[in-house]
Amino acid sequence: MTIKNVLFVLVTICVAVSVNAQLQQYPIIFSNPLPFLRSTGILNLPDVKKCFSSVRNVPGCLLEISQAFGEKFGHMMPACCKAFMDSIKCMPNILYSVLFPPNLKEQCNQAGIH
């Protein structure tokens, strides 16, 4: 993926999360329309925001993760690895297998952060 594609995905996620936060919440008709996502709502967007909050709270972490998309692996800060691994535990594995390179997870595992 090029950096433009990565930035497009990140901006799209941010827009979707902020739009969802501003919309009035209606009762959900279908309790779980996509059971493979293990969500309680249609797309469970508030949980996406909650899961990524740990990554956003670490200064420079988003930059390190975005550089991993371009395969520019370097030394990741332990706090960033911990936040990234926590967000993986929070989100369904289906999202991470598509969007995040497995090398990033391996790099954090090699640093001793599980």
PDB file of N, CA and C in Angstrom:
ATOM      1  N   MET A   1       0.839  -1.185   0.000  1.00  0.00           N
ATOM      2  CA  MET A   1       0.000   0.000   0.000  1.00  0.00           C
ATOM      3  C   MET A   1       0.878   1.239   0.000  1.00  0.00           C
ATOM      4  N   THR A   2       0.453   2.218  -0.712  1.00  0.00           N
ATOM      5  CA  THR A   2       1.186   3.474  -0.709  1.00  0.00           C
ATOM      6  C   THR A   2       0.720   4.316   0.466  1.00  0.00           C
ATOM      7  N   ILE A   3       1.468   5.327   0.765  1.00  0.00           N
ATOM      8  CA  ILE A   3       1.133   6.206   1.885  1.00  0.00           C
ATOM      9  C   ILE A   3      -0.182   6.927   1.626  1.00  0.00           C
ATOM     10  N   LYS A   4      -0.479   7.213   0.348  1.00  0.00           N
ATOM     11  CA  LYS A   4      -1.747   7.867   0.026  1.00  0.00           C
ATOM     12  C   LYS A   4      -2.924   6.954   0.379  1.00  0.00           C
ATOM     13  N   ASN A   5      -2.789   5.660   0.096  1.00  0.00           N
ATOM     14  CA  ASN A   5      -3.854   4.715   0.438  1.00  0.00           C
ATOM     15  C   ASN A   5      -4.032   4.606   1.941  1.00  0.00           C
ATOM     16  N   VAL A   6      -2.921   4.586   2.659  1.00  0.00           N
ATOM     17  CA  VAL A   6      -2.975   4.494   4.118  1.00  0.00           C
ATOM     18  C   VAL A   6      -3.659   5.718   4.701  1.00  0.00           C
ATOM     19  N   LEU A   7      -3.249   6.884   4.231  1.00  0.00           N
ATOM     20  CA  LEU A   7      -3.849   8.115   4.733  1.00  0.00           C
ATOM     21  C   LEU A   7      -5.331   8.173   4.385  1.00  0.00           C
ATOM     22  N   PHE A   8      -5.707   7.693   3.200  1.00  0.00           N
ATOM     23  CA  PHE A   8      -7.113   7.661   2.808  1.00  0.00           C
ATOM     24  C   PHE A   8      -7.915   6.769   3.757  1.00  0.00           C
ATOM     25  N   VAL A   9      -7.382   5.596   4.101  1.00  0.00           N
ATOM     26  CA  VAL A   9      -8.075   4.687   5.023  1.00  0.00           C
ATOM     27  C   VAL A   9      -8.205   5.327   6.401  1.00  0.00           C
ATOM     28  N   LEU A  10      -7.134   5.941   6.891  1.00  0.00           N
ATOM     29  CA  LEU A  10      -7.183   6.568   8.217  1.00  0.00           C
ATOM     30  C   LEU A  10      -8.166   7.737   8.246  1.00  0.00           C
ATOM     31  N   VAL A  11      -8.172   8.563   7.213  1.00  0.00           N
ATOM     32  CA  VAL A  11      -9.108   9.687   7.156  1.00  0.00           C
ATOM     33  C   VAL A  11     -10.537   9.184   7.072  1.00  0.00           C
ATOM     34  N   THR A  12     -10.778   8.139   6.285  1.00  0.00           N
ATOM     35  CA  THR A  12     -12.119   7.573   6.168  1.00  0.00           C
ATOM     36  C   THR A  12     -12.615   7.051   7.500  1.00  0.00           C
ATOM     37  N   ILE A  13     -11.749   6.364   8.235  1.00  0.00           N
ATOM     38  CA  ILE A  13     -12.138   5.862   9.552  1.00  0.00           C
ATOM     39  C   ILE A  13     -12.444   7.013  10.495  1.00  0.00           C
ATOM     40  N   CYS A  14     -11.607   8.043  10.495  1.00  0.00           N
ATOM     41  CA  CYS A  14     -11.832   9.198  11.382  1.00  0.00           C
ATOM     42  C   CYS A  14     -13.141   9.902  11.050  1.00  0.00           C
ATOM     43  N   VAL A  15     -13.431  10.075   9.774  1.00  0.00           N
ATOM     44  CA  VAL A  15     -14.677  10.725   9.370  1.00  0.00           C
ATOM     45  C   VAL A  15     -15.870   9.874   9.797  1.00  0.00           C
ATOM     46  N   ALA A  16     -15.788   8.570   9.575  1.00  0.00           N
ATOM     47  CA  ALA A  16     -16.898   7.689   9.942  1.00  0.00           C
ATOM     48  C   ALA A  16     -17.139   7.709  11.448  1.00  0.00           C
ATOM     49  N   VAL A  17     -16.081   7.721  12.217  1.00  0.00           N
ATOM     50  CA  VAL A  17     -16.225   7.751  13.677  1.00  0.00           C
ATOM     51  C   VAL A  17     -16.813   9.078  14.134  1.00  0.00           C
ATOM     52  N   SER A  18     -16.338  10.187  13.575  1.00  0.00           N
ATOM     53  CA  SER A  18     -16.847  11.488  14.023  1.00  0.00           C
ATOM     54  C   SER A  18     -18.288  11.698  13.574  1.00  0.00           C
ATOM     55  N   VAL A  19     -18.646  11.240  12.384  1.00  0.00           N
ATOM     56  CA  VAL A  19     -20.040  11.361  11.931  1.00  0.00           C
ATOM     57  C   VAL A  19     -20.944  10.517  12.802  1.00  0.00           C
ATOM     58  N   ASN A  20     -20.512   9.323  13.120  1.00  0.00           N
ATOM     59  CA  ASN A  20     -21.315   8.436  13.955  1.00  0.00           C
ATOM     60  C   ASN A  20     -21.524   9.032  15.347  1.00  0.00           C
ATOM     61  N   ALA A  21     -20.508   9.711  15.873  1.00  0.00           N
ATOM     62  CA  ALA A  21     -20.620  10.299  17.212  1.00  0.00           C
ATOM     63  C   ALA A  21     -21.601  11.468  17.229  1.00  0.00           C
ATOM     64  N   GLN A  22     -21.790  12.139  16.085  1.00  0.00           N
ATOM     65  CA  GLN A  22     -22.665  13.296  16.034  1.00  0.00           C
ATOM     66  C   GLN A  22     -24.104  12.950  15.695  1.00  0.00           C
ATOM     67  N   LEU A  23     -24.355  11.754  15.171  1.00  0.00           N
ATOM     68  CA  LEU A  23     -25.705  11.362  14.790  1.00  0.00           C
ATOM     69  C   LEU A  23     -26.523  10.959  16.007  1.00  0.00           C
ATOM     70  N   GLN A  24     -27.823  11.203  15.924  1.00  0.00           N
ATOM     71  CA  GLN A  24     -28.705  10.763  16.985  1.00  0.00           C
ATOM     72  C   GLN A  24     -28.765   9.239  16.958  1.00  0.00           C
ATOM     73  N   GLN A  25     -28.709   8.631  18.124  1.00  0.00           N
ATOM     74  CA  GLN A  25     -28.700   7.184  18.201  1.00  0.00           C
ATOM     75  C   GLN A  25     -30.126   6.647  18.220  1.00  0.00           C
ATOM     76  N   TYR A  26     -30.453   5.851  17.221  1.00  0.00           N
ATOM     77  CA  TYR A  26     -31.754   5.211  17.140  1.00  0.00           C
ATOM     78  C   TYR A  26     -31.642   3.776  17.630  1.00  0.00           C
ATOM     79  N   PRO A  27     -32.750   3.200  18.060  1.00  0.00           N
ATOM     80  CA  PRO A  27     -32.668   1.791  18.477  1.00  0.00           C
ATOM     81  C   PRO A  27     -32.286   0.905  17.291  1.00  0.00           C
ATOM     82  N   ILE A  28     -31.492  -0.083  17.571  1.00  0.00           N
ATOM     83  CA  ILE A  28     -31.017  -0.984  16.524  1.00  0.00           C
ATOM     84  C   ILE A  28     -32.095  -2.031  16.250  1.00  0.00           C
ATOM     85  N   ILE A  29     -32.479  -2.149  14.985  1.00  0.00           N
ATOM     86  CA  ILE A  29     -33.518  -3.112  14.618  1.00  0.00           C
ATOM     87  C   ILE A  29     -32.951  -4.521  14.626  1.00  0.00           C
ATOM     88  N   PHE A  30     -31.802  -4.680  14.007  1.00  0.00           N
ATOM     89  CA  PHE A  30     -31.156  -5.988  13.958  1.00  0.00           C
ATOM     90  C   PHE A  30     -30.071  -6.017  15.026  1.00  0.00           C
ATOM     91  N   SER A  31     -30.157  -6.969  15.923  1.00  0.00           N
ATOM     92  CA  SER A  31     -29.209  -6.966  17.029  1.00  0.00           C
ATOM     93  C   SER A  31     -27.788  -7.282  16.591  1.00  0.00           C
ATOM     94  N   ASN A  32     -27.605  -8.136  15.599  1.00  0.00           N
ATOM     95  CA  ASN A  32     -26.266  -8.476  15.146  1.00  0.00           C
ATOM     96  C   ASN A  32     -26.317  -8.910  13.683  1.00  0.00           C
ATOM     97  N   PRO A  33     -26.370  -7.941  12.752  1.00  0.00           N
ATOM     98  CA  PRO A  33     -26.505  -8.303  11.341  1.00  0.00           C
ATOM     99  C   PRO A  33     -25.266  -8.972  10.746  1.00  0.00           C
ATOM    100  N   LEU A  34     -24.097  -8.725  11.323  1.00  0.00           N
ATOM    101  CA  LEU A  34     -22.852  -9.327  10.838  1.00  0.00           C
ATOM    102  C   LEU A  34     -22.189 -10.085  11.982  1.00  0.00           C
ATOM    103  N   PRO A  35     -22.644 -11.291  12.273  1.00  0.00           N
ATOM    104  CA  PRO A  35     -22.138 -11.985  13.465  1.00  0.00           C
ATOM    105  C   PRO A  35     -20.651 -12.285  13.432  1.00  0.00           C
ATOM    106  N   PHE A  36     -20.046 -12.381  12.226  1.00  0.00           N
ATOM    107  CA  PHE A  36     -18.616 -12.667  12.164  1.00  0.00           C
ATOM    108  C   PHE A  36     -17.779 -11.507  12.671  1.00  0.00           C
ATOM    109  N   LEU A  37     -18.357 -10.286  12.761  1.00  0.00           N
ATOM    110  CA  LEU A  37     -17.630  -9.146  13.308  1.00  0.00           C
ATOM    111  C   LEU A  37     -17.753  -9.052  14.825  1.00  0.00           C
ATOM    112  N   ARG A  38     -18.547  -9.912  15.406  1.00  0.00           N
ATOM    113  CA  ARG A  38     -18.769  -9.936  16.860  1.00  0.00           C
ATOM    114  C   ARG A  38     -19.135  -8.555  17.395  1.00  0.00           C
ATOM    115  N   SER A  39     -20.044  -7.882  16.720  1.00  0.00           N
ATOM    116  CA  SER A  39     -20.429  -6.541  17.146  1.00  0.00           C
ATOM    117  C   SER A  39     -21.847  -6.559  17.700  1.00  0.00           C
ATOM    118  N   THR A  40     -22.168  -5.568  18.516  1.00  0.00           N
ATOM    119  CA  THR A  40     -23.506  -5.458  19.068  1.00  0.00           C
ATOM    120  C   THR A  40     -24.348  -4.475  18.274  1.00  0.00           C
ATOM    121  N   GLY A  41     -23.736  -3.660  17.453  1.00  0.00           N
ATOM    122  CA  GLY A  41     -24.455  -2.703  16.621  1.00  0.00           C
ATOM    123  C   GLY A  41     -24.207  -3.000  15.163  1.00  0.00           C
ATOM    124  N   ILE A  42     -24.632  -2.085  14.314  1.00  0.00           N
ATOM    125  CA  ILE A  42     -24.493  -2.338  12.880  1.00  0.00           C
ATOM    126  C   ILE A  42     -23.020  -2.443  12.499  1.00  0.00           C
ATOM    127  N   LEU A  43     -22.211  -1.448  12.828  1.00  0.00           N
ATOM    128  CA  LEU A  43     -20.775  -1.532  12.560  1.00  0.00           C
ATOM    129  C   LEU A  43     -19.941  -1.347  13.819  1.00  0.00           C
ATOM    130  N   ASN A  44     -20.589  -1.104  14.918  1.00  0.00           N
ATOM    131  CA  ASN A  44     -19.909  -0.973  16.207  1.00  0.00           C
ATOM    132  C   ASN A  44     -18.842   0.121  16.185  1.00  0.00           C
ATOM    133  N   LEU A  45     -19.126   1.242  15.526  1.00  0.00           N
ATOM    134  CA  LEU A  45     -18.150   2.306  15.379  1.00  0.00           C
ATOM    135  C   LEU A  45     -17.690   2.924  16.692  1.00  0.00           C
ATOM    136  N   PRO A  46     -18.555   3.078  17.711  1.00  0.00           N
ATOM    137  CA  PRO A  46     -18.015   3.609  18.965  1.00  0.00           C
ATOM    138  C   PRO A  46     -16.922   2.734  19.550  1.00  0.00           C
ATOM    139  N   ASP A  47     -16.991   1.405  19.333  1.00  0.00           N
ATOM    140  CA  ASP A  47     -15.942   0.537  19.839  1.00  0.00           C
ATOM    141  C   ASP A  47     -14.639   0.733  19.068  1.00  0.00           C
ATOM    142  N   VAL A  48     -14.728   1.069  17.791  1.00  0.00           N
ATOM    143  CA  VAL A  48     -13.528   1.363  17.011  1.00  0.00           C
ATOM    144  C   VAL A  48     -12.815   2.557  17.633  1.00  0.00           C
ATOM    145  N   LYS A  49     -13.572   3.572  17.965  1.00  0.00           N
ATOM    146  CA  LYS A  49     -12.988   4.773  18.576  1.00  0.00           C
ATOM    147  C   LYS A  49     -12.348   4.425  19.921  1.00  0.00           C
ATOM    148  N   LYS A  50     -13.029   3.601  20.705  1.00  0.00           N
ATOM    149  CA  LYS A  50     -12.514   3.201  22.012  1.00  0.00           C
ATOM    150  C   LYS A  50     -11.231   2.380  21.859  1.00  0.00           C
ATOM    151  N   CYS A  51     -11.216   1.468  20.902  1.00  0.00           N
ATOM    152  CA  CYS A  51     -10.048   0.605  20.717  1.00  0.00           C
ATOM    153  C   CYS A  51      -8.827   1.380  20.252  1.00  0.00           C
ATOM    154  N   PHE A  52      -9.020   2.357  19.389  1.00  0.00           N
ATOM    155  CA  PHE A  52      -7.892   3.123  18.877  1.00  0.00           C
ATOM    156  C   PHE A  52      -7.476   4.257  19.808  1.00  0.00           C
ATOM    157  N   SER A  53      -8.226   4.492  20.871  1.00  0.00           N
ATOM    158  CA  SER A  53      -7.870   5.592  21.770  1.00  0.00           C
ATOM    159  C   SER A  53      -6.513   5.360  22.421  1.00  0.00           C
ATOM    160  N   SER A  54      -6.182   4.113  22.724  1.00  0.00           N
ATOM    161  CA  SER A  54      -4.881   3.850  23.346  1.00  0.00           C
ATOM    162  C   SER A  54      -3.738   4.173  22.394  1.00  0.00           C
ATOM    163  N   VAL A  55      -3.933   3.916  21.100  1.00  0.00           N
ATOM    164  CA  VAL A  55      -2.897   4.226  20.104  1.00  0.00           C
ATOM    165  C   VAL A  55      -2.780   5.741  19.911  1.00  0.00           C
ATOM    166  N   ARG A  56      -3.927   6.418  19.905  1.00  0.00           N
ATOM    167  CA  ARG A  56      -3.911   7.876  19.713  1.00  0.00           C
ATOM    168  C   ARG A  56      -3.296   8.601  20.900  1.00  0.00           C
ATOM    169  N   ASN A  57      -3.377   8.023  22.087  1.00  0.00           N
ATOM    170  CA  ASN A  57      -2.872   8.688  23.285  1.00  0.00           C
ATOM    171  C   ASN A  57      -1.352   8.613  23.429  1.00  0.00           C
ATOM    172  N   VAL A  58      -0.695   7.771  22.650  1.00  0.00           N
ATOM    173  CA  VAL A  58       0.767   7.658  22.725  1.00  0.00           C
ATOM    174  C   VAL A  58       1.372   8.581  21.663  1.00  0.00           C
ATOM    175  N   PRO A  59       2.131   9.594  22.063  1.00  0.00           N
ATOM    176  CA  PRO A  59       2.709  10.530  21.083  1.00  0.00           C
ATOM    177  C   PRO A  59       3.615   9.812  20.082  1.00  0.00           C
ATOM    178  N   GLY A  60       3.359  10.070  18.794  1.00  0.00           N
ATOM    179  CA  GLY A  60       4.178   9.492  17.732  1.00  0.00           C
ATOM    180  C   GLY A  60       3.797   8.084  17.320  1.00  0.00           C
ATOM    181  N   CYS A  61       2.836   7.479  18.000  1.00  0.00           N
ATOM    182  CA  CYS A  61       2.490   6.089  17.715  1.00  0.00           C
ATOM    183  C   CYS A  61       1.812   5.939  16.349  1.00  0.00           C
ATOM    184  N   LEU A  62       0.901   6.845  16.034  1.00  0.00           N
ATOM    185  CA  LEU A  62       0.226   6.752  14.738  1.00  0.00           C
ATOM    186  C   LEU A  62       1.229   6.887  13.594  1.00  0.00           C
ATOM    187  N   LEU A  63       2.227   7.722  13.765  1.00  0.00           N
ATOM    188  CA  LEU A  63       3.260   7.880  12.743  1.00  0.00           C
ATOM    189  C   LEU A  63       4.048   6.585  12.570  1.00  0.00           C
ATOM    190  N   GLU A  64       4.412   5.945  13.670  1.00  0.00           N
ATOM    191  CA  GLU A  64       5.160   4.691  13.589  1.00  0.00           C
ATOM    192  C   GLU A  64       4.338   3.600  12.911  1.00  0.00           C
ATOM    193  N   ILE A  65       3.052   3.539  13.229  1.00  0.00           N
ATOM    194  CA  ILE A  65       2.189   2.523  12.613  1.00  0.00           C
ATOM    195  C   ILE A  65       2.009   2.822  11.129  1.00  0.00           C
ATOM    196  N   SER A  66       1.832   4.101  10.777  1.00  0.00           N
ATOM    197  CA  SER A  66       1.666   4.439   9.363  1.00  0.00           C
ATOM    198  C   SER A  66       2.945   4.154   8.579  1.00  0.00           C
ATOM    199  N   GLN A  67       4.104   4.312   9.196  1.00  0.00           N
ATOM    200  CA  GLN A  67       5.360   3.976   8.521  1.00  0.00           C
ATOM    201  C   GLN A  67       5.474   2.478   8.296  1.00  0.00           C
ATOM    202  N   ALA A  68       4.853   1.692   9.152  1.00  0.00           N
ATOM    203  CA  ALA A  68       4.878   0.235   8.974  1.00  0.00           C
ATOM    204  C   ALA A  68       4.113  -0.173   7.724  1.00  0.00           C
ATOM    205  N   PHE A  69       3.112   0.604   7.328  1.00  0.00           N
ATOM    206  CA  PHE A  69       2.391   0.314   6.091  1.00  0.00           C
ATOM    207  C   PHE A  69       3.318   0.419   4.893  1.00  0.00           C
ATOM    208  N   GLY A  70       4.221   1.365   4.934  1.00  0.00           N
ATOM    209  CA  GLY A  70       5.168   1.550   3.854  1.00  0.00           C
ATOM    210  C   GLY A  70       6.369   0.632   3.979  1.00  0.00           C
ATOM    211  N   GLU A  71       6.290  -0.315   4.904  1.00  0.00           N
ATOM    212  CA  GLU A  71       7.350  -1.289   5.170  1.00  0.00           C
ATOM    213  C   GLU A  71       8.641  -0.616   5.602  1.00  0.00           C
ATOM    214  N   LYS A  72       8.527   0.508   6.300  1.00  0.00           N
ATOM    215  CA  LYS A  72       9.691   1.178   6.868  1.00  0.00           C
ATOM    216  C   LYS A  72       9.747   0.825   8.347  1.00  0.00           C
ATOM    217  N   PHE A  73      10.076  -0.423   8.623  1.00  0.00           N
ATOM    218  CA  PHE A  73      10.095  -0.871  10.001  1.00  0.00           C
ATOM    219  C   PHE A  73      11.325  -0.332  10.697  1.00  0.00           C
ATOM    220  N   GLY A  74      11.119   0.200  11.834  1.00  0.00           N
ATOM    221  CA  GLY A  74      12.214   0.700  12.637  1.00  0.00           C
ATOM    222  C   GLY A  74      11.978   0.285  14.068  1.00  0.00           C
ATOM    223  N   HIS A  75      12.597   0.963  14.950  1.00  0.00           N
ATOM    224  CA  HIS A  75      12.408   0.676  16.361  1.00  0.00           C
ATOM    225  C   HIS A  75      11.114   1.330  16.825  1.00  0.00           C
ATOM    226  N   MET A  76      10.175   0.525  17.279  1.00  0.00           N
ATOM    227  CA  MET A  76       8.923   1.074  17.809  1.00  0.00           C
ATOM    228  C   MET A  76       9.057   1.265  19.305  1.00  0.00           C
ATOM    229  N   MET A  77       8.496   2.340  19.789  1.00  0.00           N
ATOM    230  CA  MET A  77       8.517   2.600  21.216  1.00  0.00           C
ATOM    231  C   MET A  77       7.727   1.513  21.940  1.00  0.00           C
ATOM    232  N   PRO A  78       8.183   1.077  23.112  1.00  0.00           N
ATOM    233  CA  PRO A  78       7.443   0.055  23.864  1.00  0.00           C
ATOM    234  C   PRO A  78       6.009   0.483  24.177  1.00  0.00           C
ATOM    235  N   ALA A  79       5.796   1.766  24.466  1.00  0.00           N
ATOM    236  CA  ALA A  79       4.442   2.240  24.768  1.00  0.00           C
ATOM    237  C   ALA A  79       3.543   2.119  23.536  1.00  0.00           C
ATOM    238  N   CYS A  80       4.111   2.363  22.358  1.00  0.00           N
ATOM    239  CA  CYS A  80       3.341   2.248  21.117  1.00  0.00           C
ATOM    240  C   CYS A  80       3.009   0.787  20.844  1.00  0.00           C
ATOM    241  N   CYS A  81       3.965  -0.102  21.043  1.00  0.00           N
ATOM    242  CA  CYS A  81       3.704  -1.529  20.851  1.00  0.00           C
ATOM    243  C   CYS A  81       2.610  -2.011  21.799  1.00  0.00           C
ATOM    244  N   LYS A  82       2.686  -1.578  23.043  1.00  0.00           N
ATOM    245  CA  LYS A  82       1.671  -1.998  24.019  1.00  0.00           C
ATOM    246  C   LYS A  82       0.296  -1.489  23.611  1.00  0.00           C
ATOM    247  N   ALA A  83       0.211  -0.236  23.184  1.00  0.00           N
ATOM    248  CA  ALA A  83      -1.070   0.332  22.757  1.00  0.00           C
ATOM    249  C   ALA A  83      -1.593  -0.395  21.520  1.00  0.00           C
ATOM    250  N   PHE A  84      -0.704  -0.706  20.577  1.00  0.00           N
ATOM    251  CA  PHE A  84      -1.100  -1.420  19.373  1.00  0.00           C
ATOM    252  C   PHE A  84      -1.615  -2.819  19.712  1.00  0.00           C
ATOM    253  N   MET A  85      -0.896  -3.524  20.589  1.00  0.00           N
ATOM    254  CA  MET A  85      -1.312  -4.870  20.967  1.00  0.00           C
ATOM    255  C   MET A  85      -2.637  -4.838  21.738  1.00  0.00           C
ATOM    256  N   ASP A  86      -2.847  -3.809  22.563  1.00  0.00           N
ATOM    257  CA  ASP A  86      -4.122  -3.672  23.266  1.00  0.00           C
ATOM    258  C   ASP A  86      -5.263  -3.435  22.289  1.00  0.00           C
ATOM    259  N   SER A  87      -5.003  -2.647  21.249  1.00  0.00           N
ATOM    260  CA  SER A  87      -6.058  -2.387  20.270  1.00  0.00           C
ATOM    261  C   SER A  87      -6.367  -3.638  19.456  1.00  0.00           C
ATOM    262  N   ILE A  88      -5.375  -4.494  19.227  1.00  0.00           N
ATOM    263  CA  ILE A  88      -5.623  -5.754  18.526  1.00  0.00           C
ATOM    264  C   ILE A  88      -6.544  -6.641  19.364  1.00  0.00           C
ATOM    265  N   LYS A  89      -6.308  -6.670  20.681  1.00  0.00           N
ATOM    266  CA  LYS A  89      -7.155  -7.479  21.556  1.00  0.00           C
ATOM    267  C   LYS A  89      -8.578  -6.945  21.572  1.00  0.00           C
ATOM    268  N   CYS A  90      -8.727  -5.652  21.410  1.00  0.00           N
ATOM    269  CA  CYS A  90     -10.030  -5.006  21.481  1.00  0.00           C
ATOM    270  C   CYS A  90     -10.853  -5.217  20.213  1.00  0.00           C
ATOM    271  N   MET A  91     -10.205  -5.148  19.060  1.00  0.00           N
ATOM    272  CA  MET A  91     -10.908  -5.237  17.774  1.00  0.00           C
ATOM    273  C   MET A  91     -10.968  -6.681  17.294  1.00  0.00           C
ATOM    274  N   PRO A  92     -11.958  -6.982  16.444  1.00  0.00           N
ATOM    275  CA  PRO A  92     -12.000  -8.325  15.851  1.00  0.00           C
ATOM    276  C   PRO A  92     -10.768  -8.574  14.994  1.00  0.00           C
ATOM    277  N   ASN A  93     -10.315  -9.818  14.994  1.00  0.00           N
ATOM    278  CA  ASN A  93      -9.111 -10.170  14.224  1.00  0.00           C
ATOM    279  C   ASN A  93      -9.303  -9.990  12.732  1.00  0.00           C
ATOM    280  N   ILE A  94     -10.516 -10.002  12.268  1.00  0.00           N
ATOM    281  CA  ILE A  94     -10.780  -9.887  10.835  1.00  0.00           C
ATOM    282  C   ILE A  94     -10.294  -8.546  10.290  1.00  0.00           C
ATOM    283  N   LEU A  95     -10.404  -7.477  11.057  1.00  0.00           N
ATOM    284  CA  LEU A  95      -9.947  -6.160  10.613  1.00  0.00           C
ATOM    285  C   LEU A  95      -8.430  -6.115  10.526  1.00  0.00           C
ATOM    286  N   TYR A  96      -7.758  -6.639  11.511  1.00  0.00           N
ATOM    287  CA  TYR A  96      -6.308  -6.537  11.550  1.00  0.00           C
ATOM    288  C   TYR A  96      -5.626  -7.431  10.528  1.00  0.00           C
ATOM    289  N   SER A  97      -6.250  -8.551  10.174  1.00  0.00           N
ATOM    290  CA  SER A  97      -5.619  -9.413   9.184  1.00  0.00           C
ATOM    291  C   SER A  97      -5.606  -8.745   7.816  1.00  0.00           C
ATOM    292  N   VAL A  98      -6.521  -7.824   7.562  1.00  0.00           N
ATOM    293  CA  VAL A  98      -6.596  -7.143   6.273  1.00  0.00           C
ATOM    294  C   VAL A  98      -5.775  -5.856   6.274  1.00  0.00           C
ATOM    295  N   LEU A  99      -5.859  -5.059   7.337  1.00  0.00           N
ATOM    296  CA  LEU A  99      -5.280  -3.724   7.331  1.00  0.00           C
ATOM    297  C   LEU A  99      -3.845  -3.632   7.849  1.00  0.00           C
ATOM    298  N   PHE A 100      -3.471  -4.463   8.794  1.00  0.00           N
ATOM    299  CA  PHE A 100      -2.162  -4.297   9.411  1.00  0.00           C
ATOM    300  C   PHE A 100      -1.212  -5.403   8.988  1.00  0.00           C
ATOM    301  N   PRO A 101       0.007  -5.024   8.664  1.00  0.00           N
ATOM    302  CA  PRO A 101       0.979  -6.038   8.270  1.00  0.00           C
ATOM    303  C   PRO A 101       1.336  -6.924   9.460  1.00  0.00           C
ATOM    304  N   PRO A 102       1.465  -8.224   9.230  1.00  0.00           N
ATOM    305  CA  PRO A 102       1.809  -9.116  10.340  1.00  0.00           C
ATOM    306  C   PRO A 102       3.181  -8.812  10.921  1.00  0.00           C
ATOM    307  N   ASN A 103       4.056  -8.186  10.130  1.00  0.00           N
ATOM    308  CA  ASN A 103       5.389  -7.854  10.643  1.00  0.00           C
ATOM    309  C   ASN A 103       5.336  -6.885  11.806  1.00  0.00           C
ATOM    310  N   LEU A 104       4.336  -6.023  11.839  1.00  0.00           N
ATOM    311  CA  LEU A 104       4.213  -5.059  12.932  1.00  0.00           C
ATOM    312  C   LEU A 104       3.925  -5.792  14.243  1.00  0.00           C
ATOM    313  N   LYS A 105       3.037  -6.756  14.190  1.00  0.00           N
ATOM    314  CA  LYS A 105       2.729  -7.548  15.382  1.00  0.00           C
ATOM    315  C   LYS A 105       3.951  -8.368  15.800  1.00  0.00           C
ATOM    316  N   GLU A 106       4.646  -8.941  14.825  1.00  0.00           N
ATOM    317  CA  GLU A 106       5.847  -9.718  15.127  1.00  0.00           C
ATOM    318  C   GLU A 106       6.926  -8.837  15.754  1.00  0.00           C
ATOM    319  N   GLN A 107       7.056  -7.621  15.256  1.00  0.00           N
ATOM    320  CA  GLN A 107       8.059  -6.707  15.791  1.00  0.00           C
ATOM    321  C   GLN A 107       7.774  -6.400  17.260  1.00  0.00           C
ATOM    322  N   CYS A 108       6.517  -6.206  17.594  1.00  0.00           N
ATOM    323  CA  CYS A 108       6.164  -5.944  18.991  1.00  0.00           C
ATOM    324  C   CYS A 108       6.379  -7.194  19.841  1.00  0.00           C
ATOM    325  N   ASN A 109       6.084  -8.361  19.284  1.00  0.00           N
ATOM    326  CA  ASN A 109       6.315  -9.604  20.023  1.00  0.00           C
ATOM    327  C   ASN A 109       7.792  -9.817  20.299  1.00  0.00           C
ATOM    328  N   GLN A 110       8.647  -9.473  19.325  1.00  0.00           N
ATOM    329  CA  GLN A 110      10.086  -9.614  19.517  1.00  0.00           C
ATOM    330  C   GLN A 110      10.606  -8.652  20.576  1.00  0.00           C
ATOM    331  N   ALA A 111       9.937  -7.527  20.735  1.00  0.00           N
ATOM    332  CA  ALA A 111      10.332  -6.554  21.756  1.00  0.00           C
ATOM    333  C   ALA A 111       9.875  -7.002  23.140  1.00  0.00           C
ATOM    334  N   GLY A 112       9.141  -8.122  23.199  1.00  0.00           N
ATOM    335  CA  GLY A 112       8.700  -8.655  24.478  1.00  0.00           C
ATOM    336  C   GLY A 112       7.383  -8.082  24.957  1.00  0.00           C
ATOM    337  N   ILE A 113       6.636  -7.450  24.066  1.00  0.00           N
ATOM    338  CA  ILE A 113       5.352  -6.863  24.442  1.00  0.00           C
ATOM    339  C   ILE A 113       4.261  -7.731  23.850  1.00  0.00           C
ATOM    340  N   HIS A 114       3.459  -8.311  24.712  1.00  0.00           N
ATOM    341  CA  HIS A 114       2.407  -9.236  24.253  1.00  0.00           C
ATOM    342  C   HIS A 114       1.056  -8.687  24.559  1.00  0.00           C
TER     343      HIS A 114
END
